[in-house]
Structures are given as structure tokens and as C-alpha cells.
Amino acid sequence: MSDQPTATYGIEGMTCEHCVMSIDEAFRELPGVTDVRVDLVVGGRSTATVTSTAPLDDAAVDAAVDEAGYTLVER
């Protein structure tokens, strides 16, 4: 079992597998991210569960999701 921190983020605006790939890529570009798992909920709140070597900076997460074209709705 890993002792790396894991956080789950609620994201709105995702509609397809391309959206999943975009969010996956956005999170993997953040320093320290080691794993990303995205659960797509079309028309609702999707989630991204992110594992990293240290807790992620809230502003960096906000910027990454926004830059990918989606809305972060829950941390």
C-alpha cells in the first residue's frame, strides 16, 4: 500500500473520453503526480482521483482544470 497522498476532485463540464484524456493530461503535468484515475459522469459531476508524492497546491489544481476547459467544483 502506498503512503502517497491521494485526493479526489469533482469536475463539471466533461462529456466524453476526450475530456477524460484532457483532465488526465492536465493533472499529470503537475509536479509530483504519480497516478490519475478519472470517473466520467456525463451531464453531472465527474471525479478525478489523483495520487502524488506530496499534497497538490490548490491554486495549481484550479489552474490545471481551468486550462483544460472544465470547472473544479469540489476538493
Protein backbone atom coordinates (compact mmCIF):
# COMPACT_ATOMS: atom_id res chain seq x y z
CA MET A 1 0.00 0.00 0.00
CA SER A 2 1.32 3.41 -0.96
CA ASP A 3 1.82 6.16 1.58
CA GLN A 4 1.48 8.80 -1.11
CA PRO A 5 -1.37 11.29 -0.64
CA THR A 6 -4.48 10.80 -2.75
CA ALA A 7 -7.12 13.46 -3.36
CA THR A 8 -10.41 13.34 -5.25
CA TYR A 9 -11.64 16.36 -7.19
CA GLY A 10 -15.15 16.98 -8.54
CA ILE A 11 -15.16 18.34 -12.09
CA GLU A 12 -18.05 19.58 -14.22
CA GLY A 13 -18.22 20.01 -17.98
CA MET A 14 -16.79 16.66 -19.06
CA THR A 15 -18.80 14.83 -21.74
CA CYS A 16 -16.59 12.20 -23.40
CA GLU A 17 -13.40 10.15 -23.36
CA HIS A 18 -11.50 13.07 -24.93
CA CYS A 19 -12.44 15.09 -21.82
CA VAL A 20 -11.08 12.27 -19.65
CA MET A 21 -7.79 12.33 -21.57
CA SER A 22 -7.57 16.13 -21.25
CA ILE A 23 -8.05 16.06 -17.47
CA ASP A 24 -5.67 13.13 -17.10
CA GLU A 25 -3.01 15.04 -19.01
CA ALA A 26 -3.64 18.27 -17.06
CA PHE A 27 -3.13 16.53 -13.72
CA ARG A 28 -0.09 14.53 -14.89
CA GLU A 29 1.63 17.80 -15.82
CA LEU A 30 1.54 18.91 -12.17
CA PRO A 31 4.76 18.26 -10.24
CA GLY A 32 4.72 15.07 -8.18
CA VAL A 33 1.63 13.42 -9.69
CA THR A 34 2.13 9.66 -9.93
CA ASP A 35 -1.36 8.40 -10.86
CA VAL A 36 -4.67 9.77 -12.13
CA ARG A 37 -8.00 7.94 -12.32
CA VAL A 38 -10.96 9.71 -13.88
CA ASP A 39 -14.59 8.66 -13.46
CA LEU A 40 -16.67 10.26 -16.23
CA VAL A 41 -20.25 11.20 -15.35
CA VAL A 42 -21.81 12.72 -18.49
CA GLY A 43 -24.10 15.59 -17.57
CA GLY A 44 -23.02 15.51 -13.94
CA ARG A 45 -20.05 15.74 -11.65
CA SER A 46 -17.12 13.64 -12.83
CA THR A 47 -14.27 12.89 -10.45
CA ALA A 48 -10.52 12.71 -10.75
CA THR A 49 -8.64 10.78 -8.08
CA VAL A 50 -5.04 11.91 -8.05
CA THR A 51 -2.08 10.34 -6.26
CA SER A 52 1.05 12.41 -5.77
CA THR A 53 4.33 12.45 -3.88
CA ALA A 54 3.10 15.41 -1.78
CA PRO A 55 -0.25 17.20 -1.42
CA LEU A 56 -1.03 19.28 -4.51
CA ASP A 57 -1.24 23.04 -4.39
CA ASP A 58 -4.89 24.15 -4.59
CA ALA A 59 -4.11 27.04 -6.94
CA ALA A 60 -2.17 24.73 -9.29
CA VAL A 61 -5.09 22.26 -9.37
CA ASP A 62 -7.57 25.08 -10.05
CA ALA A 63 -5.40 26.42 -12.87
CA ALA A 64 -4.84 22.98 -14.44
CA VAL A 65 -8.56 22.13 -14.51
CA ASP A 66 -9.48 25.60 -15.79
CA GLU A 67 -6.81 25.49 -18.50
CA ALA A 68 -8.16 22.13 -19.64
CA GLY A 69 -11.55 23.81 -20.10
CA TYR A 70 -13.50 22.39 -17.15
CA THR A 71 -14.80 23.57 -13.78
CA LEU A 72 -13.44 22.34 -10.46
CA VAL A 73 -16.45 22.07 -8.15
CA GLU A 74 -15.20 20.04 -5.21
CA ARG A 75 -11.94 19.21 -3.47
